[in-house]
N, C-alpha and C. Protein backbone atom coordinates (compact mmCIF):
# COMPACT_ATOMS: atom_id res chain seq x y z
N MET A 1 159.92 131.69 118.67
CA MET A 1 159.98 132.16 120.23
C MET A 1 160.96 132.66 120.78
N ALA A 2 162.34 132.44 119.74
CA ALA A 2 164.29 132.40 120.21
C ALA A 2 164.29 133.98 121.26
N ASP A 3 163.33 135.11 120.77
CA ASP A 3 163.40 136.46 120.31
C ASP A 3 163.62 137.17 121.72
N LEU A 4 164.40 136.33 122.29
CA LEU A 4 164.83 137.79 124.18
C LEU A 4 164.54 138.37 124.48
N ARG A 5 163.67 139.71 123.85
CA ARG A 5 163.50 140.31 123.38
C ARG A 5 162.31 141.05 124.25
N PHE A 6 160.99 139.94 124.82
CA PHE A 6 159.76 139.49 124.64
C PHE A 6 160.08 139.07 126.06
N SER A 7 159.02 139.50 126.96
CA SER A 7 158.82 139.37 128.18
C SER A 7 157.63 138.68 128.89
N ILE A 8 157.33 137.40 128.72
CA ILE A 8 155.60 137.09 129.77
C ILE A 8 155.87 136.49 130.65
N SER A 9 155.17 137.07 131.84
CA SER A 9 154.90 136.72 132.72
C SER A 9 154.20 134.91 133.08
N LYS A 10 154.49 134.41 133.22
CA LYS A 10 153.27 132.91 133.83
C LYS A 10 152.31 133.28 133.74
N LEU A 11 151.00 132.11 133.49
CA LEU A 11 149.81 132.82 134.22
C LEU A 11 149.73 132.19 135.34
N ASN A 12 149.29 132.71 136.11
CA ASN A 12 149.24 132.88 137.51
C ASN A 12 147.23 132.61 137.53
N ASN A 13 146.86 132.86 139.17
CA ASN A 13 145.64 132.76 139.72
C ASN A 13 145.04 134.76 139.53
N VAL A 14 145.89 134.94 138.97
CA VAL A 14 145.36 136.72 138.88
C VAL A 14 145.63 137.27 137.44
N ASN A 15 147.00 137.03 136.78
CA ASN A 15 146.70 137.81 135.40
C ASN A 15 146.34 137.09 134.28
N TYR A 16 146.02 136.54 134.29
CA TYR A 16 144.30 136.15 133.23
C TYR A 16 144.66 136.70 131.96
N GLU A 17 144.41 138.60 132.31
CA GLU A 17 144.09 138.92 131.18
C GLU A 17 144.63 139.56 130.24
N ILE A 18 145.85 139.82 131.65
CA ILE A 18 147.12 139.85 130.77
C ILE A 18 148.41 139.26 130.09
N TRP A 19 147.98 138.13 130.88
CA TRP A 19 148.86 137.14 130.37
C TRP A 19 148.76 136.88 128.04
N LYS A 20 147.04 136.37 128.59
CA LYS A 20 146.14 136.00 127.93
C LYS A 20 145.62 137.00 126.54
N SER A 21 146.31 138.33 126.23
CA SER A 21 146.91 138.75 124.62
C SER A 21 147.57 138.90 125.50
N LYS A 22 149.22 138.85 126.14
CA LYS A 22 150.27 138.65 125.32
C LYS A 22 151.02 137.61 124.71
N VAL A 23 149.90 136.91 125.18
CA VAL A 23 150.66 135.21 124.08
C VAL A 23 149.26 135.25 122.80
N GLU A 24 148.41 135.27 123.22
CA GLU A 24 147.78 135.49 121.72
C GLU A 24 148.77 136.22 121.02
N LEU A 25 149.07 137.67 120.86
CA LEU A 25 150.16 138.94 120.57
C LEU A 25 151.15 137.73 120.02
N LEU A 26 151.82 137.23 120.56
CA LEU A 26 153.25 136.59 120.61
C LEU A 26 151.85 135.49 119.79
N LEU A 27 151.43 134.21 119.51
CA LEU A 27 151.67 133.64 118.42
C LEU A 27 150.85 133.62 117.13
N ILE A 28 150.09 135.25 117.77
CA ILE A 28 150.29 135.83 116.54
C ILE A 28 152.06 136.18 115.42
N LYS A 29 152.15 136.83 116.03
CA LYS A 29 153.73 136.44 115.61
C LYS A 29 154.64 136.04 115.08
N GLU A 30 154.53 135.08 115.63
CA GLU A 30 154.88 133.15 115.17
C GLU A 30 154.32 132.66 114.80
N ASP A 31 153.06 133.65 113.91
CA ASP A 31 152.40 132.60 112.88
C ASP A 31 151.65 131.52 113.06
N LEU A 32 151.53 131.28 114.30
CA LEU A 32 150.63 129.90 114.96
C LEU A 32 148.92 130.52 116.11
N TRP A 33 148.44 131.82 115.16
CA TRP A 33 147.15 131.69 115.95
C TRP A 33 146.29 131.05 115.90
N ASP A 34 145.96 130.84 114.54
CA ASP A 34 145.08 130.02 113.75
C ASP A 34 144.83 128.51 114.64
N THR A 35 145.52 128.00 114.78
CA THR A 35 145.60 126.34 115.26
C THR A 35 144.51 126.98 116.60
N VAL A 36 144.60 128.43 117.29
CA VAL A 36 144.43 128.43 117.76
C VAL A 36 142.50 129.40 117.66
N ASN A 37 142.71 130.39 116.90
CA ASN A 37 141.27 130.95 116.84
C ASN A 37 140.31 130.30 115.62
N LYS A 38 141.17 129.06 114.89
CA LYS A 38 139.67 128.11 114.29
C LYS A 38 139.89 126.93 113.93
N ASP A 39 139.12 126.28 113.77
CA ASP A 39 138.82 125.09 114.31
C ASP A 39 139.80 123.68 113.37
N LYS A 40 140.20 123.24 113.99
CA LYS A 40 141.51 122.41 113.33
C LYS A 40 140.42 121.12 111.92
N PRO A 41 140.73 121.17 110.90
CA PRO A 41 140.48 121.11 109.75
C PRO A 41 140.48 119.12 109.36
N ALA A 42 139.25 119.52 108.63
CA ALA A 42 139.22 118.02 108.45
C ALA A 42 140.16 116.98 108.49
N VAL A 43 140.97 117.83 107.81
CA VAL A 43 141.98 116.45 106.94
C VAL A 43 143.39 117.50 107.11
N ALA A 44 143.88 116.96 108.87
CA ALA A 44 144.82 118.12 109.28
C ALA A 44 146.89 117.49 108.03
N ASN A 45 146.72 118.90 108.05
CA ASN A 45 148.47 117.87 107.70
C ASN A 45 149.32 118.77 107.58
N GLU A 46 150.28 118.33 108.24
CA GLU A 46 151.39 117.75 108.40
C GLU A 46 152.20 119.62 109.70
N LYS A 47 152.31 120.63 108.36
CA LYS A 47 151.93 121.82 109.11
C LYS A 47 150.93 122.76 109.68
N TRP A 48 149.95 121.85 109.84
CA TRP A 48 149.18 122.14 110.86
C TRP A 48 149.47 122.29 111.95
N THR A 49 149.66 120.54 112.09
CA THR A 49 149.98 119.28 113.23
C THR A 49 151.11 120.55 114.04
N LYS A 50 152.49 120.57 112.55
CA LYS A 50 153.14 121.31 113.60
C LYS A 50 153.51 122.00 114.19
N ASP A 51 152.48 123.16 113.53
CA ASP A 51 152.47 123.96 114.22
C ASP A 51 150.97 124.49 115.65
N ASP A 52 150.24 122.88 115.79
CA ASP A 52 149.21 123.04 116.71
C ASP A 52 150.13 122.55 117.68
N SER A 53 151.11 122.48 117.63
CA SER A 53 151.95 121.44 118.40
C SER A 53 152.74 122.36 118.89
N GLN A 54 153.12 123.23 118.17
CA GLN A 54 154.09 124.24 118.47
C GLN A 54 153.43 126.31 119.63
N ALA A 55 151.92 125.62 119.21
CA ALA A 55 151.07 127.05 120.00
C ALA A 55 151.04 126.23 121.49
N ARG A 56 150.66 124.79 121.21
CA ARG A 56 150.44 124.29 122.65
C ARG A 56 151.88 124.46 123.63
N ALA A 57 153.14 123.51 122.92
CA ALA A 57 153.76 123.95 124.07
C ALA A 57 154.58 125.41 124.21
N THR A 58 154.13 126.98 123.74
CA THR A 58 153.64 127.78 123.97
C THR A 58 153.28 127.94 125.33
N ILE A 59 152.09 127.76 124.41
CA ILE A 59 151.31 127.94 125.56
C ILE A 59 152.02 127.32 126.87
N GLY A 60 151.91 126.24 127.00
CA GLY A 60 151.92 125.23 128.20
C GLY A 60 153.24 125.62 128.87
N LEU A 61 154.04 126.49 128.04
CA LEU A 61 155.10 126.71 128.53
C LEU A 61 155.54 128.08 129.73
N LEU A 62 154.10 128.76 129.29
CA LEU A 62 153.47 130.08 129.89
C LEU A 62 153.06 129.86 131.17
N LEU A 63 152.87 128.86 131.14
CA LEU A 63 152.16 128.53 133.11
C LEU A 63 153.00 128.40 134.29
N GLU A 64 152.72 128.72 135.17
CA GLU A 64 153.26 128.81 136.64
C GLU A 64 152.70 126.82 137.04
N ASP A 65 153.09 126.84 137.45
CA ASP A 65 153.02 124.95 137.47
C ASP A 65 151.44 124.14 138.25
N ASP A 66 151.01 125.60 139.50
CA ASP A 66 150.04 125.26 139.37
C ASP A 66 149.12 125.86 138.54
N GLN A 67 149.02 126.44 137.50
CA GLN A 67 147.81 126.36 136.55
C GLN A 67 148.63 125.17 135.20
N PHE A 68 148.99 124.18 135.67
CA PHE A 68 148.69 122.87 134.50
C PHE A 68 148.45 121.89 135.05
N ILE A 69 147.44 121.61 135.33
CA ILE A 69 146.72 121.24 135.73
C ILE A 69 145.01 121.20 135.14
N HIS A 70 144.96 122.95 134.74
CA HIS A 70 144.44 123.07 133.40
C HIS A 70 144.24 122.31 131.91
N PHE A 71 146.03 122.72 131.84
CA PHE A 71 146.30 122.15 130.53
C PHE A 71 146.25 121.15 130.65
N LYS A 72 147.48 120.06 131.27
CA LYS A 72 147.19 118.56 130.62
C LYS A 72 146.76 118.00 130.65
N GLY A 73 145.15 117.64 130.16
CA GLY A 73 144.37 117.18 129.61
C GLY A 73 144.08 116.72 128.29
N THR A 74 145.04 118.76 127.83
CA THR A 74 144.21 118.56 126.26
C THR A 74 144.99 118.07 125.04
N LYS A 75 144.94 118.05 124.45
CA LYS A 75 145.26 117.25 123.13
C LYS A 75 145.92 118.27 121.87
N THR A 76 145.40 119.87 120.81
CA THR A 76 145.18 121.10 121.24
C THR A 76 145.83 121.70 121.23
N ALA A 77 146.02 122.79 120.97
CA ALA A 77 146.44 124.14 120.85
C ALA A 77 145.03 124.58 121.64
N LYS A 78 143.92 124.36 120.79
CA LYS A 78 142.84 125.35 120.69
C LYS A 78 141.82 124.79 122.10
N GLU A 79 141.96 123.82 122.63
CA GLU A 79 141.82 123.28 123.25
C GLU A 79 142.31 123.97 125.06
N ALA A 80 143.63 123.63 124.74
CA ALA A 80 144.51 124.36 125.89
C ALA A 80 144.01 125.82 126.09
N TRP A 81 143.46 126.31 125.27
CA TRP A 81 142.85 127.69 125.41
C TRP A 81 141.25 128.31 125.83
N GLU A 82 140.57 127.20 125.53
CA GLU A 82 140.50 127.18 125.40
C GLU A 82 139.83 126.21 127.10
N ALA A 83 140.23 125.86 127.51
CA ALA A 83 140.79 125.46 128.96
C ALA A 83 140.40 126.31 130.28
N LEU A 84 141.44 126.49 129.62
CA LEU A 84 142.59 127.88 130.62
C LEU A 84 140.89 129.16 130.95
N ARG A 85 140.56 129.52 129.24
CA ARG A 85 139.71 129.86 129.73
C ARG A 85 137.92 130.55 129.90
N LYS A 86 138.01 129.17 130.59
CA LYS A 86 137.63 128.45 131.40
C LYS A 86 137.20 128.58 132.23
N TYR A 87 138.35 128.28 132.84
CA TYR A 87 138.44 128.04 134.69
C TYR A 87 139.13 129.94 135.29
N HIS A 88 139.56 130.33 134.26
CA HIS A 88 139.94 132.26 135.00
C HIS A 88 139.08 133.25 134.17
N GLN A 89 137.95 132.37 132.93
CA GLN A 89 136.91 133.52 133.47
C GLN A 89 135.72 132.76 133.76
N LYS A 90 135.69 132.22 134.69
CA LYS A 90 134.23 132.25 135.47
C LYS A 90 133.75 132.93 135.48
N ALA A 91 132.42 132.78 135.07
CA ALA A 91 131.72 134.10 135.25
C ALA A 91 130.16 134.22 136.10
N SER A 92 130.94 133.26 137.53
CA SER A 92 129.16 132.97 138.51
C SER A 92 128.60 134.49 138.63
N LEU A 93 128.10 134.24 140.00
CA LEU A 93 127.93 136.01 140.01
C LEU A 93 128.55 136.27 141.25
N SER A 94 129.08 135.13 142.21
CA SER A 94 130.23 135.57 142.86
C SER A 94 130.72 136.03 142.95
N ASN A 95 131.75 135.33 142.06
CA ASN A 95 132.60 136.92 140.87
C ASN A 95 132.37 138.25 140.29
N GLN A 96 130.91 137.91 139.86
CA GLN A 96 131.41 139.26 139.45
C GLN A 96 131.03 140.53 140.81
N VAL A 97 130.29 139.53 141.87
CA VAL A 97 129.91 140.26 143.43
C VAL A 97 131.29 140.91 143.61
N HIS A 98 131.89 140.69 143.53
CA HIS A 98 133.51 140.05 143.82
C HIS A 98 134.17 141.66 143.22
N LEU A 99 134.31 141.65 141.81
CA LEU A 99 135.54 142.40 140.93
C LEU A 99 134.29 143.72 141.53
N LEU A 100 132.98 143.92 141.10
CA LEU A 100 132.29 144.62 141.17
C LEU A 100 132.20 145.61 143.03
N LYS A 101 132.53 144.78 143.83
CA LYS A 101 133.37 145.63 145.15
C LYS A 101 134.20 146.06 145.21
N ARG A 102 135.29 145.35 145.05
CA ARG A 102 136.34 145.66 144.90
C ARG A 102 136.69 147.08 143.32
N ILE A 103 136.14 147.45 142.30
CA ILE A 103 135.71 148.22 141.56
C ILE A 103 135.62 149.82 142.35
N ILE A 104 133.96 149.04 143.63
CA ILE A 104 133.37 150.32 144.19
C ILE A 104 134.14 151.00 145.14
N ASN A 105 134.77 150.10 145.18
CA ASN A 105 135.66 149.96 147.17
C ASN A 105 136.78 150.71 146.95
N LEU A 106 137.82 151.17 145.54
CA LEU A 106 139.27 151.13 144.84
C LEU A 106 139.01 153.40 145.38
N LYS A 107 139.66 153.22 146.46
CA LYS A 107 139.57 153.72 146.45
C LYS A 107 140.81 155.00 146.81
N LEU A 108 141.52 156.17 145.90
CA LEU A 108 142.50 157.45 146.02
C LEU A 108 142.74 157.57 147.31
N THR A 109 143.88 157.65 147.76
CA THR A 109 144.29 158.39 148.90
C THR A 109 145.14 159.94 148.35
N GLU A 110 145.54 160.41 149.82
CA GLU A 110 144.89 162.08 149.81
C GLU A 110 146.71 162.18 148.76
N ASP A 111 147.73 160.95 149.58
CA ASP A 111 149.13 160.79 149.36
C ASP A 111 149.11 159.50 147.79
N GLY A 112 148.30 159.20 147.57
CA GLY A 112 148.33 157.44 146.48
C GLY A 112 148.21 158.28 144.94
N ASP A 113 149.03 156.89 144.57
CA ASP A 113 150.10 157.38 143.03
C ASP A 113 148.02 157.40 141.50
N MET A 114 148.59 158.17 141.40
CA MET A 114 147.15 158.15 140.28
C MET A 114 146.96 157.38 139.35
N GLU A 115 148.47 156.78 138.92
CA GLU A 115 148.76 155.73 137.49
C GLU A 115 148.20 155.61 137.85
N LYS A 116 148.30 154.77 139.21
CA LYS A 116 148.38 153.04 140.11
C LYS A 116 147.19 152.99 140.01
N TYR A 117 146.40 153.77 141.14
CA TYR A 117 144.96 154.15 140.82
C TYR A 117 143.90 153.73 139.58
N ILE A 118 144.61 154.83 138.35
CA ILE A 118 144.11 154.46 137.40
C ILE A 118 144.02 152.73 136.47
N HIS A 119 145.43 152.12 136.92
CA HIS A 119 145.56 150.99 136.14
C HIS A 119 145.05 150.29 136.79
N GLU A 120 144.38 150.16 138.53
CA GLU A 120 144.58 149.31 138.69
C GLU A 120 142.74 149.07 138.45
N MET A 121 141.76 150.16 138.37
CA MET A 121 140.67 149.90 137.86
C MET A 121 140.08 150.01 137.54
N LEU A 122 140.98 150.56 135.74
CA LEU A 122 140.55 150.22 134.86
C LEU A 122 141.10 148.44 134.54
N SER A 123 142.18 147.48 135.75
CA SER A 123 142.50 146.36 134.72
C SER A 123 141.25 145.70 135.40
N LEU A 124 140.51 146.04 137.13
CA LEU A 124 139.12 145.05 137.35
C LEU A 124 138.46 145.44 136.28
N VAL A 125 138.34 146.46 136.02
CA VAL A 125 136.91 146.45 134.46
C VAL A 125 137.19 145.75 133.65
N ASP A 126 138.10 145.24 133.33
CA ASP A 126 138.62 144.79 132.38
C ASP A 126 138.17 142.63 132.65
N ARG A 127 138.40 142.77 133.91
CA ARG A 127 138.29 141.95 134.29
C ARG A 127 136.70 141.11 135.05
N LEU A 128 136.39 142.23 135.14
CA LEU A 128 134.58 141.99 134.58
C LEU A 128 134.17 142.37 133.18
N ALA A 129 134.54 142.94 132.27
CA ALA A 129 134.23 142.50 131.19
C ALA A 129 134.53 141.45 130.89
N ALA A 130 135.40 140.96 131.12
CA ALA A 130 136.55 139.04 130.29
C ALA A 130 135.17 138.28 131.29
N ILE A 131 134.32 138.62 131.58
CA ILE A 131 132.84 137.39 132.65
C ILE A 131 131.83 138.55 131.73
N GLU A 132 131.52 139.35 130.48
CA GLU A 132 130.77 139.80 130.39
C GLU A 132 129.24 140.26 130.79
N GLU A 133 130.31 141.43 131.13
CA GLU A 133 129.70 141.95 132.51
C GLU A 133 130.43 143.51 132.48
N VAL A 134 129.77 144.13 130.49
CA VAL A 134 130.26 145.49 130.66
C VAL A 134 130.09 146.90 131.32
N LEU A 135 130.50 147.19 132.15
CA LEU A 135 130.52 148.48 132.73
C LEU A 135 130.18 149.76 131.18
N LYS A 136 129.10 150.32 131.27
CA LYS A 136 129.64 151.75 130.60
C LYS A 136 130.38 152.64 131.13
N GLU A 137 131.19 153.52 129.62
CA GLU A 137 132.23 154.56 130.24
C GLU A 137 131.11 155.63 130.80
N LYS A 138 130.94 155.68 130.93
CA LYS A 138 129.94 156.38 131.62
C LYS A 138 129.67 156.51 133.18
N LEU A 139 129.48 154.92 133.37
CA LEU A 139 129.81 154.68 135.31
C LEU A 139 130.74 154.89 135.33
N ILE A 140 132.05 153.80 134.49
CA ILE A 140 134.07 153.65 134.99
C ILE A 140 134.07 155.42 135.12
N ILE A 141 133.28 155.99 134.63
CA ILE A 141 134.06 157.23 134.70
C ILE A 141 133.64 157.97 137.08
N SER A 142 131.84 157.74 136.16
CA SER A 142 131.59 158.38 137.59
C SER A 142 131.96 157.33 139.34
N ILE A 143 132.42 156.18 138.57
CA ILE A 143 132.82 155.96 140.02
C ILE A 143 134.83 156.64 140.26
N MET A 144 134.87 156.38 138.85
CA MET A 144 136.44 156.47 139.31
C MET A 144 136.45 158.28 139.91
N LEU A 145 136.22 159.10 139.99
CA LEU A 145 135.22 160.57 140.57
C LEU A 145 135.05 160.86 141.66
N SER A 146 134.29 159.55 141.45
CA SER A 146 133.41 159.07 143.09
C SER A 146 134.45 159.00 144.33
N ASN A 147 135.42 157.87 144.00
CA ASN A 147 136.56 157.90 144.67
C ASN A 147 137.81 158.13 144.82
N LEU A 148 138.14 159.76 144.56
CA LEU A 148 139.21 160.62 144.70
C LEU A 148 138.75 160.88 145.99
N PRO A 149 140.61 161.66 146.60
CA PRO A 149 140.45 162.14 147.25
C PRO A 149 139.64 163.59 147.54
N ASP A 150 139.20 164.39 148.44
CA ASP A 150 138.34 165.68 148.41
C ASP A 150 139.35 166.84 148.02
N SER A 151 140.37 166.85 147.98
CA SER A 151 141.19 167.61 147.38
C SER A 151 141.15 168.13 145.45
N PHE A 152 140.42 166.65 145.00
CA PHE A 152 140.08 166.93 143.28
C PHE A 152 138.52 167.43 143.25
N GLY A 153 138.36 168.23 144.54
CA GLY A 153 136.68 168.48 144.39
C GLY A 153 136.56 169.69 143.03
N THR A 154 137.90 170.51 143.16
CA THR A 154 137.99 171.19 142.12
C THR A 154 138.16 170.74 140.18
N LEU A 155 138.86 170.36 140.87
CA LEU A 155 138.34 169.44 138.75
C LEU A 155 137.23 168.64 139.12
N ILE A 156 137.07 167.79 139.88
CA ILE A 156 135.61 167.49 139.73
C ILE A 156 134.06 168.57 139.55
N THR A 157 134.33 169.21 140.03
CA THR A 157 132.69 170.25 139.66
C THR A 157 133.86 170.65 137.78
N ALA A 158 134.94 171.39 137.62
CA ALA A 158 135.36 171.18 136.80
C ALA A 158 134.49 170.18 135.01
N LEU A 159 135.18 169.16 135.34
CA LEU A 159 134.33 167.80 134.43
C LEU A 159 132.70 168.15 134.57
N GLU A 160 132.60 168.18 136.11
CA GLU A 160 130.72 168.31 135.91
C GLU A 160 130.48 169.45 135.05
N THR A 161 130.57 170.20 135.02
CA THR A 161 129.75 170.77 134.46
C THR A 161 130.77 170.39 132.63
N ARG A 162 131.14 170.24 131.62
CA ARG A 162 131.30 170.11 130.18
C ARG A 162 129.98 169.58 130.32
N ASN A 163 130.15 169.14 128.52
CA ASN A 163 129.18 168.51 127.94
C ASN A 163 129.46 166.90 128.36
N GLU A 164 128.50 166.58 128.97
CA GLU A 164 128.82 165.04 129.02
C GLU A 164 129.23 163.96 127.47
N ASP A 165 129.06 165.19 126.08
CA ASP A 165 129.67 163.65 125.69
C ASP A 165 131.04 163.58 124.39
N VAL A 166 131.99 165.45 125.72
CA VAL A 166 133.67 165.11 125.94
C VAL A 166 133.89 164.74 127.02
N LEU A 167 133.08 164.13 128.39
CA LEU A 167 133.29 163.85 128.85
C LEU A 167 133.97 161.65 128.38
N THR A 168 134.87 161.87 127.70
CA THR A 168 135.56 159.78 127.62
C THR A 168 136.32 159.51 129.01
N LEU A 169 136.40 158.72 128.76
CA LEU A 169 137.28 158.63 130.02
C LEU A 169 138.90 158.90 129.27
N GLU A 170 138.87 159.20 128.05
CA GLU A 170 140.43 158.81 127.70
C GLU A 170 141.12 160.52 128.38
N LEU A 171 139.80 161.39 128.19
CA LEU A 171 140.12 162.76 128.91
C LEU A 171 140.09 163.03 129.88
N ILE A 172 139.24 162.23 130.98
CA ILE A 172 139.58 162.11 132.98
C ILE A 172 140.47 161.70 132.59
N LYS A 173 141.15 160.67 131.76
CA LYS A 173 142.29 159.31 132.34
C LYS A 173 143.44 161.08 133.07
N GLY A 174 143.29 161.61 131.16
CA GLY A 174 144.52 162.48 130.84
C GLY A 174 144.54 163.36 131.80
N LYS A 175 143.78 164.35 132.30
CA LYS A 175 143.50 165.09 133.51
C LYS A 175 143.86 164.63 135.18
N LEU A 176 143.58 163.54 135.09
CA LEU A 176 143.97 163.42 136.70
C LEU A 176 145.80 163.23 136.83
N VAL A 177 145.70 162.79 135.30
CA VAL A 177 147.69 162.21 135.78
C VAL A 177 147.56 163.88 135.80
N ASP A 178 147.34 164.36 135.09
CA ASP A 178 147.80 165.64 135.12
C ASP A 178 147.60 166.38 136.31
N LYS A 179 147.00 166.28 137.43
CA LYS A 179 146.25 166.60 138.64
C LYS A 179 147.09 166.74 139.73
N ALA A 180 147.92 165.05 139.36
CA ALA A 180 148.10 164.24 140.14
C ALA A 180 149.24 164.80 140.44
N THR A 181 149.82 165.66 138.57
CA THR A 181 152.14 165.41 138.24
C THR A 181 151.46 166.67 138.56
N ARG A 182 150.87 167.82 139.28
CA ARG A 182 151.11 169.13 139.31
C ARG A 182 150.99 169.21 141.35
N ARG A 183 150.56 168.13 141.73
CA ARG A 183 150.32 167.99 143.06
C ARG A 183 151.59 168.48 143.55
């Protein structure tokens, strides 16, 4: 883990999804992911114990101070990972409603940054999916297009005339960024 080319923001109350993915990649790179991803062996050998300690330390060092309370009582890397997951992926109805409202109310202004809009929209969709509420791709596309300013009307009409089978999120993102770049 001494490789300084990697920079992972510490876990806070808003970056769990991206933090989780980056720390997972780091643990895979360091060949420590099995201590998080698999059950503890019936008889833990010295290598497993050392790997587990290293993985747990890596997780703990990548937490903001206010997140440490969720980690503190854990004994293994897997316990630490699960404790953080349970805290940050609360699947409560109020959390789902909050995220859905943010998705639906996220609007791009006439002078707004398209790439930032797309990133924020997809981040919210990912956060919703993380609490087991997965939106269908067509619904995501519909919300994204409906929250664009009027100046995108011609593009939206052109996209609506296409066969629905070819309307993918990747295509829509590309078209939106192209249009915003030309503006």
